[in-house]
Amino acid sequence: MTDTERLDFLQKLTDRNNYTGTVILREATTGRGWRLHEHSGDGAVLSVRKAIDIFAANYAVQGSA
């Protein structure tokens, strides 16, 4: 399975709207890593790829990359 196929699979799950239909990638509030998950709050977007892009851009800006 390619990375594109993996991302497409996650997008299809998101598009089902089983919960919110929006996703976010962020650091865990518990400080134990990062999470890509459906979310209804601020920062959630319709696209899995966009959620990853936003996190990557903010992560690099913070100087942690």
PDB file of N, CA and C in Angstrom:
ATOM      1  N   MET A   1       0.852  -1.175   0.000  1.00  0.00           N
ATOM      2  CA  MET A   1       0.000   0.000   0.000  1.00  0.00           C
ATOM      3  C   MET A   1       0.901   1.242   0.000  1.00  0.00           C
ATOM      4  N   THR A   2       0.589   2.187  -0.843  1.00  0.00           N
ATOM      5  CA  THR A   2       1.378   3.421  -0.924  1.00  0.00           C
ATOM      6  C   THR A   2       0.895   4.443   0.098  1.00  0.00           C
ATOM      7  N   ASP A   3       1.701   5.469   0.321  1.00  0.00           N
ATOM      8  CA  ASP A   3       1.287   6.542   1.226  1.00  0.00           C
ATOM      9  C   ASP A   3       0.019   7.228   0.709  1.00  0.00           C
ATOM     10  N   THR A   4      -0.071   7.405  -0.600  1.00  0.00           N
ATOM     11  CA  THR A   4      -1.270   8.018  -1.181  1.00  0.00           C
ATOM     12  C   THR A   4      -2.504   7.181  -0.889  1.00  0.00           C
ATOM     13  N   GLU A   5      -2.386   5.875  -1.034  1.00  0.00           N
ATOM     14  CA  GLU A   5      -3.511   4.983  -0.740  1.00  0.00           C
ATOM     15  C   GLU A   5      -3.898   5.045   0.739  1.00  0.00           C
ATOM     16  N   ARG A   6      -2.900   5.150   1.608  1.00  0.00           N
ATOM     17  CA  ARG A   6      -3.186   5.265   3.038  1.00  0.00           C
ATOM     18  C   ARG A   6      -3.950   6.556   3.344  1.00  0.00           C
ATOM     19  N   LEU A   7      -3.478   7.653   2.771  1.00  0.00           N
ATOM     20  CA  LEU A   7      -4.153   8.936   2.989  1.00  0.00           C
ATOM     21  C   LEU A   7      -5.553   8.932   2.389  1.00  0.00           C
ATOM     22  N   ASP A   8      -5.692   8.345   1.210  1.00  0.00           N
ATOM     23  CA  ASP A   8      -7.015   8.243   0.584  1.00  0.00           C
ATOM     24  C   ASP A   8      -7.963   7.437   1.464  1.00  0.00           C
ATOM     25  N   PHE A   9      -7.467   6.358   2.077  1.00  0.00           N
ATOM     26  CA  PHE A   9      -8.284   5.541   2.979  1.00  0.00           C
ATOM     27  C   PHE A   9      -8.753   6.362   4.178  1.00  0.00           C
ATOM     28  N   LEU A  10      -7.837   7.092   4.795  1.00  0.00           N
ATOM     29  CA  LEU A  10      -8.224   7.937   5.938  1.00  0.00           C
ATOM     30  C   LEU A  10      -9.232   9.001   5.522  1.00  0.00           C
ATOM     31  N   GLN A  11      -9.062   9.550   4.315  1.00  0.00           N
ATOM     32  CA  GLN A  11     -10.002  10.560   3.842  1.00  0.00           C
ATOM     33  C   GLN A  11     -11.388   9.964   3.632  1.00  0.00           C
ATOM     34  N   LYS A  12     -11.433   8.747   3.099  1.00  0.00           N
ATOM     35  CA  LYS A  12     -12.726   8.085   2.901  1.00  0.00           C
ATOM     36  C   LYS A  12     -13.432   7.839   4.230  1.00  0.00           C
ATOM     37  N   LEU A  13     -12.667   7.456   5.253  1.00  0.00           N
ATOM     38  CA  LEU A  13     -13.262   7.299   6.585  1.00  0.00           C
ATOM     39  C   LEU A  13     -13.835   8.625   7.081  1.00  0.00           C
ATOM     40  N   THR A  14     -13.089   9.688   6.878  1.00  0.00           N
ATOM     41  CA  THR A  14     -13.535  11.023   7.299  1.00  0.00           C
ATOM     42  C   THR A  14     -14.793  11.439   6.548  1.00  0.00           C
ATOM     43  N   ASP A  15     -14.810  11.170   5.254  1.00  0.00           N
ATOM     44  CA  ASP A  15     -15.935  11.584   4.408  1.00  0.00           C
ATOM     45  C   ASP A  15     -17.244  10.873   4.758  1.00  0.00           C
ATOM     46  N   ARG A  16     -17.165   9.785   5.482  1.00  0.00           N
ATOM     47  CA  ARG A  16     -18.384   9.079   5.897  1.00  0.00           C
ATOM     48  C   ARG A  16     -19.222   9.887   6.888  1.00  0.00           C
ATOM     49  N   ASN A  17     -18.594  10.845   7.546  1.00  0.00           N
ATOM     50  CA  ASN A  17     -19.281  11.677   8.540  1.00  0.00           C
ATOM     51  C   ASN A  17     -19.901  10.848   9.662  1.00  0.00           C
ATOM     52  N   ASN A  18     -19.237   9.769  10.048  1.00  0.00           N
ATOM     53  CA  ASN A  18     -19.761   8.953  11.149  1.00  0.00           C
ATOM     54  C   ASN A  18     -19.789   9.713  12.461  1.00  0.00           C
ATOM     55  N   TYR A  19     -18.871  10.645  12.624  1.00  0.00           N
ATOM     56  CA  TYR A  19     -18.824  11.433  13.850  1.00  0.00           C
ATOM     57  C   TYR A  19     -18.912  12.911  13.498  1.00  0.00           C
ATOM     58  N   THR A  20     -17.816  13.515  13.085  1.00  0.00           N
ATOM     59  CA  THR A  20     -17.842  14.946  12.758  1.00  0.00           C
ATOM     60  C   THR A  20     -17.600  15.240  11.292  1.00  0.00           C
ATOM     61  N   GLY A  21     -16.862  14.368  10.624  1.00  0.00           N
ATOM     62  CA  GLY A  21     -16.490  14.638   9.239  1.00  0.00           C
ATOM     63  C   GLY A  21     -15.360  15.642   9.117  1.00  0.00           C
ATOM     64  N   THR A  22     -14.762  16.021  10.250  1.00  0.00           N
ATOM     65  CA  THR A  22     -13.609  16.913  10.238  1.00  0.00           C
ATOM     66  C   THR A  22     -12.509  16.298  11.097  1.00  0.00           C
ATOM     67  N   VAL A  23     -11.273  16.628  10.770  1.00  0.00           N
ATOM     68  CA  VAL A  23     -10.127  16.031  11.455  1.00  0.00           C
ATOM     69  C   VAL A  23      -9.133  17.095  11.894  1.00  0.00           C
ATOM     70  N   ILE A  24      -8.299  16.692  12.837  1.00  0.00           N
ATOM     71  CA  ILE A  24      -7.228  17.557  13.308  1.00  0.00           C
ATOM     72  C   ILE A  24      -6.024  16.685  13.627  1.00  0.00           C
ATOM     73  N   LEU A  25      -4.857  17.216  13.383  1.00  0.00           N
ATOM     74  CA  LEU A  25      -3.614  16.585  13.811  1.00  0.00           C
ATOM     75  C   LEU A  25      -2.988  17.546  14.808  1.00  0.00           C
ATOM     76  N   ARG A  26      -2.726  17.064  16.016  1.00  0.00           N
ATOM     77  CA  ARG A  26      -2.181  17.933  17.064  1.00  0.00           C
ATOM     78  C   ARG A  26      -1.435  17.086  18.084  1.00  0.00           C
ATOM     79  N   GLU A  27      -0.672  17.774  18.903  1.00  0.00           N
ATOM     80  CA  GLU A  27      -0.021  17.083  19.996  1.00  0.00           C
ATOM     81  C   GLU A  27      -1.078  16.700  21.022  1.00  0.00           C
ATOM     82  N   ALA A  28      -0.899  15.556  21.640  1.00  0.00           N
ATOM     83  CA  ALA A  28      -1.860  15.070  22.637  1.00  0.00           C
ATOM     84  C   ALA A  28      -1.869  16.006  23.845  1.00  0.00           C
ATOM     85  N   THR A  29      -3.037  16.220  24.378  1.00  0.00           N
ATOM     86  CA  THR A  29      -3.153  17.083  25.557  1.00  0.00           C
ATOM     87  C   THR A  29      -2.488  16.450  26.775  1.00  0.00           C
ATOM     88  N   THR A  30      -2.260  15.146  26.729  1.00  0.00           N
ATOM     89  CA  THR A  30      -1.598  14.451  27.831  1.00  0.00           C
ATOM     90  C   THR A  30      -0.081  14.513  27.723  1.00  0.00           C
ATOM     91  N   GLY A  31       0.413  15.069  26.589  1.00  0.00           N
ATOM     92  CA  GLY A  31       1.851  15.147  26.379  1.00  0.00           C
ATOM     93  C   GLY A  31       2.477  13.844  25.914  1.00  0.00           C
ATOM     94  N   ARG A  32       1.655  12.923  25.490  1.00  0.00           N
ATOM     95  CA  ARG A  32       2.144  11.601  25.080  1.00  0.00           C
ATOM     96  C   ARG A  32       2.056  11.408  23.575  1.00  0.00           C
ATOM     97  N   GLY A  33       2.706  12.271  22.819  1.00  0.00           N
ATOM     98  CA  GLY A  33       2.742  12.108  21.366  1.00  0.00           C
ATOM     99  C   GLY A  33       1.766  13.001  20.641  1.00  0.00           C
ATOM    100  N   TRP A  34       1.402  12.588  19.446  1.00  0.00           N
ATOM    101  CA  TRP A  34       0.492  13.360  18.599  1.00  0.00           C
ATOM    102  C   TRP A  34      -0.702  12.495  18.233  1.00  0.00           C
ATOM    103  N   ARG A  35      -1.750  13.174  17.783  1.00  0.00           N
ATOM    104  CA  ARG A  35      -2.996  12.470  17.442  1.00  0.00           C
ATOM    105  C   ARG A  35      -3.575  13.038  16.140  1.00  0.00           C
ATOM    106  N   LEU A  36      -3.986  12.150  15.261  1.00  0.00           N
ATOM    107  CA  LEU A  36      -4.792  12.499  14.088  1.00  0.00           C
ATOM    108  C   LEU A  36      -6.154  11.887  14.351  1.00  0.00           C
ATOM    109  N   HIS A  37      -7.148  12.726  14.534  1.00  0.00           N
ATOM    110  CA  HIS A  37      -8.465  12.181  14.877  1.00  0.00           C
ATOM    111  C   HIS A  37      -9.588  13.102  14.451  1.00  0.00           C
ATOM    112  N   GLU A  38     -10.780  12.516  14.393  1.00  0.00           N
ATOM    113  CA  GLU A  38     -11.963  13.326  14.131  1.00  0.00           C
ATOM    114  C   GLU A  38     -12.162  14.259  15.310  1.00  0.00           C
ATOM    115  N   HIS A  39     -12.572  15.473  14.987  1.00  0.00           N
ATOM    116  CA  HIS A  39     -12.679  16.489  16.026  1.00  0.00           C
ATOM    117  C   HIS A  39     -13.688  17.530  15.577  1.00  0.00           C
ATOM    118  N   SER A  40     -14.466  18.038  16.504  1.00  0.00           N
ATOM    119  CA  SER A  40     -15.472  19.036  16.146  1.00  0.00           C
ATOM    120  C   SER A  40     -15.072  20.448  16.551  1.00  0.00           C
ATOM    121  N   GLY A  41     -13.938  20.605  17.205  1.00  0.00           N
ATOM    122  CA  GLY A  41     -13.542  21.906  17.729  1.00  0.00           C
ATOM    123  C   GLY A  41     -12.742  22.757  16.764  1.00  0.00           C
ATOM    124  N   ASP A  42     -12.225  23.845  17.310  1.00  0.00           N
ATOM    125  CA  ASP A  42     -11.412  24.769  16.524  1.00  0.00           C
ATOM    126  C   ASP A  42     -10.211  24.064  15.916  1.00  0.00           C
ATOM    127  N   GLY A  43      -9.931  24.397  14.677  1.00  0.00           N
ATOM    128  CA  GLY A  43      -8.781  23.832  13.988  1.00  0.00           C
ATOM    129  C   GLY A  43      -9.081  22.593  13.169  1.00  0.00           C
ATOM    130  N   ALA A  44     -10.249  22.006  13.345  1.00  0.00           N
ATOM    131  CA  ALA A  44     -10.608  20.816  12.569  1.00  0.00           C
ATOM    132  C   ALA A  44     -10.931  21.217  11.130  1.00  0.00           C
ATOM    133  N   VAL A  45     -10.505  20.389  10.193  1.00  0.00           N
ATOM    134  CA  VAL A  45     -10.704  20.650   8.766  1.00  0.00           C
ATOM    135  C   VAL A  45     -11.303  19.425   8.083  1.00  0.00           C
ATOM    136  N   LEU A  46     -11.787  19.615   6.878  1.00  0.00           N
ATOM    137  CA  LEU A  46     -12.425  18.524   6.132  1.00  0.00           C
ATOM    138  C   LEU A  46     -11.433  17.547   5.515  1.00  0.00           C
ATOM    139  N   SER A  47     -10.196  17.971   5.326  1.00  0.00           N
ATOM    140  CA  SER A  47      -9.206  17.179   4.607  1.00  0.00           C
ATOM    141  C   SER A  47      -8.121  16.636   5.538  1.00  0.00           C
ATOM    142  N   VAL A  48      -7.884  15.339   5.450  1.00  0.00           N
ATOM    143  CA  VAL A  48      -6.802  14.714   6.209  1.00  0.00           C
ATOM    144  C   VAL A  48      -5.464  15.330   5.805  1.00  0.00           C
ATOM    145  N   ARG A  49      -5.266  15.501   4.520  1.00  0.00           N
ATOM    146  CA  ARG A  49      -4.009  16.073   4.037  1.00  0.00           C
ATOM    147  C   ARG A  49      -3.804  17.494   4.561  1.00  0.00           C
ATOM    148  N   LYS A  50      -4.870  18.283   4.566  1.00  0.00           N
ATOM    149  CA  LYS A  50      -4.766  19.658   5.062  1.00  0.00           C
ATOM    150  C   LYS A  50      -4.447  19.666   6.558  1.00  0.00           C
ATOM    151  N   ALA A  51      -5.046  18.770   7.313  1.00  0.00           N
ATOM    152  CA  ALA A  51      -4.760  18.684   8.750  1.00  0.00           C
ATOM    153  C   ALA A  51      -3.273  18.399   8.970  1.00  0.00           C
ATOM    154  N   ILE A  52      -2.714  17.505   8.168  1.00  0.00           N
ATOM    155  CA  ILE A  52      -1.295  17.184   8.274  1.00  0.00           C
ATOM    156  C   ILE A  52      -0.452  18.391   7.879  1.00  0.00           C
ATOM    157  N   ASP A  53      -0.824  19.057   6.786  1.00  0.00           N
ATOM    158  CA  ASP A  53      -0.080  20.229   6.321  1.00  0.00           C
ATOM    159  C   ASP A  53      -0.074  21.350   7.358  1.00  0.00           C
ATOM    160  N   ILE A  54      -1.224  21.596   7.970  1.00  0.00           N
ATOM    161  CA  ILE A  54      -1.319  22.649   8.983  1.00  0.00           C
ATOM    162  C   ILE A  54      -0.421  22.331  10.173  1.00  0.00           C
ATOM    163  N   PHE A  55      -0.478  21.101  10.643  1.00  0.00           N
ATOM    164  CA  PHE A  55       0.353  20.708  11.780  1.00  0.00           C
ATOM    165  C   PHE A  55       1.834  20.832  11.427  1.00  0.00           C
ATOM    166  N   ALA A  56       2.205  20.351  10.249  1.00  0.00           N
ATOM    167  CA  ALA A  56       3.609  20.402   9.829  1.00  0.00           C
ATOM    168  C   ALA A  56       4.102  21.844   9.737  1.00  0.00           C
ATOM    169  N   ALA A  57       3.282  22.739   9.193  1.00  0.00           N
ATOM    170  CA  ALA A  57       3.677  24.140   9.079  1.00  0.00           C
ATOM    171  C   ALA A  57       3.835  24.781  10.456  1.00  0.00           C
ATOM    172  N   ASN A  58       2.916  24.501  11.357  1.00  0.00           N
ATOM    173  CA  ASN A  58       3.002  25.074  12.702  1.00  0.00           C
ATOM    174  C   ASN A  58       4.141  24.462  13.493  1.00  0.00           C
ATOM    175  N   TYR A  59       4.391  23.208  13.310  1.00  0.00           N
ATOM    176  CA  TYR A  59       5.474  22.515  14.004  1.00  0.00           C
ATOM    177  C   TYR A  59       6.818  23.103  13.596  1.00  0.00           C
ATOM    178  N   ALA A  60       6.988  23.351  12.297  1.00  0.00           N
ATOM    179  CA  ALA A  60       8.233  23.921  11.793  1.00  0.00           C
ATOM    180  C   ALA A  60       8.418  25.350  12.298  1.00  0.00           C
ATOM    181  N   VAL A  61       7.342  26.114  12.390  1.00  0.00           N
ATOM    182  CA  VAL A  61       7.408  27.496  12.859  1.00  0.00           C
ATOM    183  C   VAL A  61       7.864  27.541  14.311  1.00  0.00           C
ATOM    184  N   GLN A  62       7.464  26.552  15.107  1.00  0.00           N
ATOM    185  CA  GLN A  62       7.832  26.515  16.510  1.00  0.00           C
ATOM    186  C   GLN A  62       9.296  26.145  16.707  1.00  0.00           C
ATOM    187  N   GLY A  63       9.969  25.792  15.628  1.00  0.00           N
ATOM    188  CA  GLY A  63      11.384  25.467  15.714  1.00  0.00           C
ATOM    189  C   GLY A  63      11.670  24.077  16.225  1.00  0.00           C
ATOM    190  N   SER A  64      10.660  23.223  16.244  1.00  0.00           N
ATOM    191  CA  SER A  64      10.844  21.878  16.785  1.00  0.00           C
ATOM    192  C   SER A  64      11.235  20.864  15.722  1.00  0.00           C
ATOM    193  N   ALA A  65      11.133  21.244  14.466  1.00  0.00           N
ATOM    194  CA  ALA A  65      11.421  20.268  13.386  1.00  0.00           C
ATOM    195  C   ALA A  65      12.893  20.193  13.101  1.00  0.00           C
TER     196      ALA A  65
END
